[in-house]
Amino acid sequence: MEIALENAMPEVYSGGLGVLAGDTIRAAADLGCPWWPFSLLYRKGYFTQRLGEDGSQTEEPVEWRVEDFLTEEPARASVSIENRRVELRCWRYSAKGCAF
């Protein structure tokens, strides 16, 4: 998932394209357009980078609770990928438009 929706959701974007995607979703909400974008959701993967005084880099995992931002939908599906059953579920984020 590469969509910047809120600063407090650090796991869902890493840069410019994510910000552009988030801006597009918010613009559609501002205009009142019914729109249902979707993407993959990753709970882990990004990290916070720290640079030491000597220039060395260390990484710290970023933890966030999906449940604090998204609403889980009841529908489920499962698929077989490389002889492994993978369960799928959906989470909803309701983008709110600006009141003009």
Protein backbone atom coordinates (compact mmCIF):
# COMPACT_ATOMS: atom_id res chain seq x y z
CA MET A 1 0.00 0.00 0.00
CA GLU A 2 1.46 3.30 -1.00
CA ILE A 3 -1.16 5.84 0.08
CA ALA A 4 -0.47 8.69 2.50
CA LEU A 5 -3.76 9.16 4.31
CA GLU A 6 -2.61 10.30 7.76
CA ASN A 7 0.80 11.09 9.25
CA ALA A 8 0.04 8.75 12.13
CA MET A 9 -0.14 5.80 9.69
CA PRO A 10 3.60 5.52 8.95
CA GLU A 11 3.52 2.03 7.52
CA VAL A 12 1.47 2.88 4.48
CA TYR A 13 3.69 5.17 2.43
CA SER A 14 7.33 6.00 2.00
CA GLY A 15 7.45 8.97 -0.31
CA GLY A 16 6.13 11.12 -3.10
CA LEU A 17 3.88 8.71 -4.98
CA GLY A 18 2.14 7.77 -1.75
CA VAL A 19 1.54 11.44 -0.97
CA LEU A 20 0.17 11.99 -4.48
CA ALA A 21 -2.19 9.02 -4.08
CA GLY A 22 -3.42 10.33 -0.73
CA ASP A 23 -3.94 13.83 -2.15
CA THR A 24 -5.98 12.36 -5.01
CA ILE A 25 -8.22 10.46 -2.59
CA ARG A 26 -8.72 13.56 -0.42
CA ALA A 27 -9.48 15.69 -3.50
CA ALA A 28 -12.19 13.21 -4.58
CA ALA A 29 -13.64 13.36 -1.06
CA ASP A 30 -13.55 17.19 -1.16
CA LEU A 31 -15.58 17.09 -4.39
CA GLY A 32 -18.01 14.54 -2.98
CA CYS A 33 -17.11 11.99 -5.66
CA PRO A 34 -18.07 8.40 -4.86
CA TRP A 35 -14.76 6.62 -5.31
CA TRP A 36 -13.42 3.31 -4.00
CA PRO A 37 -9.66 3.07 -4.41
CA PHE A 38 -8.02 -0.03 -3.02
CA SER A 39 -4.53 -1.27 -2.31
CA LEU A 40 -2.57 -3.85 -0.36
CA LEU A 41 -2.07 -3.27 3.34
CA TYR A 42 1.25 -4.02 5.01
CA ARG A 43 1.53 -4.21 8.76
CA LYS A 44 5.32 -4.29 8.67
CA GLY A 45 8.08 -3.38 6.30
CA TYR A 46 9.03 0.24 6.78
CA PHE A 47 11.35 1.45 9.50
CA THR A 48 12.53 4.63 11.13
CA GLN A 49 16.09 5.49 10.21
CA ARG A 50 18.40 7.05 12.77
CA LEU A 51 21.82 8.46 11.99
CA GLY A 52 24.47 8.40 14.67
CA GLU A 53 26.95 11.22 15.27
CA ASP A 54 29.54 9.18 13.39
CA GLY A 55 27.21 8.88 10.38
CA SER A 56 26.27 5.27 11.02
CA GLN A 57 22.69 4.22 10.28
CA THR A 58 20.43 2.20 12.52
CA GLU A 59 16.87 1.13 11.84
CA GLU A 60 13.99 0.80 14.25
CA PRO A 61 10.83 -1.07 13.29
CA VAL A 62 7.67 1.02 13.11
CA GLU A 63 4.69 -0.43 14.92
CA TRP A 64 1.13 0.70 14.25
CA ARG A 65 -2.29 -0.72 14.96
CA VAL A 66 -4.43 -1.06 11.85
CA GLU A 67 -7.53 -1.15 14.06
CA ASP A 68 -6.84 2.41 15.25
CA PHE A 69 -7.36 3.80 11.72
CA LEU A 70 -9.35 1.32 9.67
CA THR A 71 -12.58 -0.62 10.10
CA GLU A 72 -12.45 -4.31 9.32
CA GLU A 73 -15.12 -5.55 6.92
CA PRO A 74 -16.77 -8.92 7.64
CA ALA A 75 -16.28 -10.43 4.16
CA ARG A 76 -13.49 -12.99 3.74
CA ALA A 77 -11.99 -14.85 0.82
CA SER A 78 -9.21 -17.37 0.47
CA VAL A 79 -6.89 -18.20 -2.39
CA SER A 80 -4.23 -20.78 -2.99
CA ILE A 81 -0.76 -19.37 -3.66
CA GLU A 82 2.14 -21.77 -4.20
CA ASN A 83 0.29 -24.64 -2.52
CA ARG A 84 -0.50 -22.46 0.47
CA ARG A 85 -3.93 -21.17 1.48
CA VAL A 86 -3.96 -17.40 2.01
CA GLU A 87 -6.87 -15.73 3.78
CA LEU A 88 -7.91 -12.28 2.53
CA ARG A 89 -9.90 -9.61 4.31
CA CYS A 90 -10.77 -5.99 3.72
CA TRP A 91 -10.27 -2.87 5.80
CA ARG A 92 -12.14 0.40 5.21
CA TYR A 93 -10.80 3.92 5.53
CA SER A 94 -13.39 6.66 5.10
CA ALA A 95 -11.78 9.76 3.64
CA LYS A 96 -13.63 12.89 4.70
CA GLY A 97 -13.77 15.90 2.43
CA CYS A 98 -13.30 19.53 3.46
CA ALA A 99 -16.39 21.59 4.08
CA PHE A 100 -16.21 24.67 1.91
